């Protein structure tokens, strides 16, 4: 599925083995970007201490 966000250079970056048929991780690139935006909005709705913890742990950035 070449329109999947995880399809790169004829392989899958979401799974160890490419298995496109019936994949639960399938999303278009547009859906993926929207989901990322929604996740950041949720994080920004948290208190500053929780935001700092999440950004440092998962995004490897200082806040």
C-alpha atoms as a PDB file:
ATOM      1  CA  UNK A   1       0.000   0.000   0.000  1.00  0.00           C
ATOM      2  CA  UNK A   2       2.117   2.776  -1.311  1.00  0.00           C
ATOM      3  CA  UNK A   3      -0.128   5.501   0.130  1.00  0.00           C
ATOM      4  CA  UNK A   4       0.504   4.307   3.724  1.00  0.00           C
ATOM      5  CA  UNK A   5       2.501   6.645   5.984  1.00  0.00           C
ATOM      6  CA  UNK A   6       4.784   3.761   7.025  1.00  0.00           C
ATOM      7  CA  UNK A   7       5.655   2.621   3.493  1.00  0.00           C
ATOM      8  CA  UNK A   8       9.237   3.695   2.785  1.00  0.00           C
ATOM      9  CA  UNK A   9      11.582   2.297   0.144  1.00  0.00           C
ATOM     10  CA  UNK A  10       9.474  -0.832  -0.402  1.00  0.00           C
ATOM     11  CA  UNK A  11       9.416  -1.674   3.314  1.00  0.00           C
ATOM     12  CA  UNK A  12       7.414  -0.849   6.428  1.00  0.00           C
ATOM     13  CA  UNK A  13       8.802   1.427   9.136  1.00  0.00           C
ATOM     14  CA  UNK A  14       5.967   0.522  11.578  1.00  0.00           C
ATOM     15  CA  UNK A  15       6.526  -3.240  11.566  1.00  0.00           C
ATOM     16  CA  UNK A  16       9.588  -5.465  11.319  1.00  0.00           C
ATOM     17  CA  UNK A  17       8.113  -7.337   8.363  1.00  0.00           C
ATOM     18  CA  UNK A  18       6.073  -5.702   5.630  1.00  0.00           C
ATOM     19  CA  UNK A  19       2.575  -7.193   5.722  1.00  0.00           C
ATOM     20  CA  UNK A  20       0.229  -4.688   4.110  1.00  0.00           C
ATOM     21  CA  UNK A  21      -2.809  -6.926   3.658  1.00  0.00           C
ATOM     22  CA  UNK A  22      -5.190  -6.218   6.582  1.00  0.00           C
ATOM     23  CA  UNK A  23      -2.614  -4.160   8.495  1.00  0.00           C
ATOM     24  CA  UNK A  24      -4.035  -2.421  11.576  1.00  0.00           C
ATOM     25  CA  UNK A  25      -1.408   0.326  11.340  1.00  0.00           C
ATOM     26  CA  UNK A  26      -2.472   1.481   7.875  1.00  0.00           C
ATOM     27  CA  UNK A  27      -3.066   5.240   7.575  1.00  0.00           C
ATOM     28  CA  UNK A  28      -2.577   7.660   4.751  1.00  0.00           C
ATOM     29  CA  UNK A  29       0.124  10.274   5.229  1.00  0.00           C
ATOM     30  CA  UNK A  30      -2.615  12.877   5.722  1.00  0.00           C
ATOM     31  CA  UNK A  31      -4.320  10.789   8.440  1.00  0.00           C
ATOM     32  CA  UNK A  32      -0.963  10.291  10.160  1.00  0.00           C
ATOM     33  CA  UNK A  33      -0.223  14.028  10.197  1.00  0.00           C
ATOM     34  CA  UNK A  34      -3.710  14.799  11.548  1.00  0.00           C
ATOM     35  CA  UNK A  35      -3.266  12.235  14.314  1.00  0.00           C
ATOM     36  CA  UNK A  36       0.109  13.732  15.220  1.00  0.00           C
ATOM     37  CA  UNK A  37      -1.458  17.190  15.402  1.00  0.00           C
ATOM     38  CA  UNK A  38      -4.280  15.923  17.647  1.00  0.00           C
ATOM     39  CA  UNK A  39      -1.782  14.212  19.955  1.00  0.00           C
ATOM     40  CA  UNK A  40       0.216  17.433  20.346  1.00  0.00           C
ATOM     41  CA  UNK A  41      -2.983  19.356  21.098  1.00  0.00           C
ATOM     42  CA  UNK A  42      -3.823  16.855  23.869  1.00  0.00           C
ATOM     43  CA  UNK A  43      -0.332  17.128  25.325  1.00  0.00           C
ATOM     44  CA  UNK A  44      -0.478  20.919  25.279  1.00  0.00           C
ATOM     45  CA  UNK A  45      -3.733  20.700  27.276  1.00  0.00           C
ATOM     46  CA  UNK A  46      -1.890  19.069  30.184  1.00  0.00           C
ATOM     47  CA  UNK A  47      -0.204  20.915  33.020  1.00  0.00           C
ATOM     48  CA  UNK A  48       3.362  22.110  32.451  1.00  0.00           C
ATOM     49  CA  UNK A  49       5.014  19.373  34.530  1.00  0.00           C
ATOM     50  CA  UNK A  50       3.319  16.568  32.588  1.00  0.00           C
ATOM     51  CA  UNK A  51       4.079  18.278  29.269  1.00  0.00           C
ATOM     52  CA  UNK A  52       7.750  18.558  30.184  1.00  0.00           C
ATOM     53  CA  UNK A  53       7.920  14.878  31.151  1.00  0.00           C
ATOM     54  CA  UNK A  54       6.271  13.729  27.889  1.00  0.00           C
ATOM     55  CA  UNK A  55       8.400  15.939  25.634  1.00  0.00           C
ATOM     56  CA  UNK A  56      11.628  14.896  27.341  1.00  0.00           C
ATOM     57  CA  UNK A  57      10.784  11.182  27.338  1.00  0.00           C
ATOM     58  CA  UNK A  58       9.162  10.699  23.933  1.00  0.00           C
ATOM     59  CA  UNK A  59      10.304  13.635  21.846  1.00  0.00           C
ATOM     60  CA  UNK A  60      13.821  13.929  23.317  1.00  0.00           C
ATOM     61  CA  UNK A  61      13.549  17.696  23.649  1.00  0.00           C
ATOM     62  CA  UNK A  62      13.873  20.090  26.553  1.00  0.00           C
ATOM     63  CA  UNK A  63      10.891  22.312  27.254  1.00  0.00           C
END
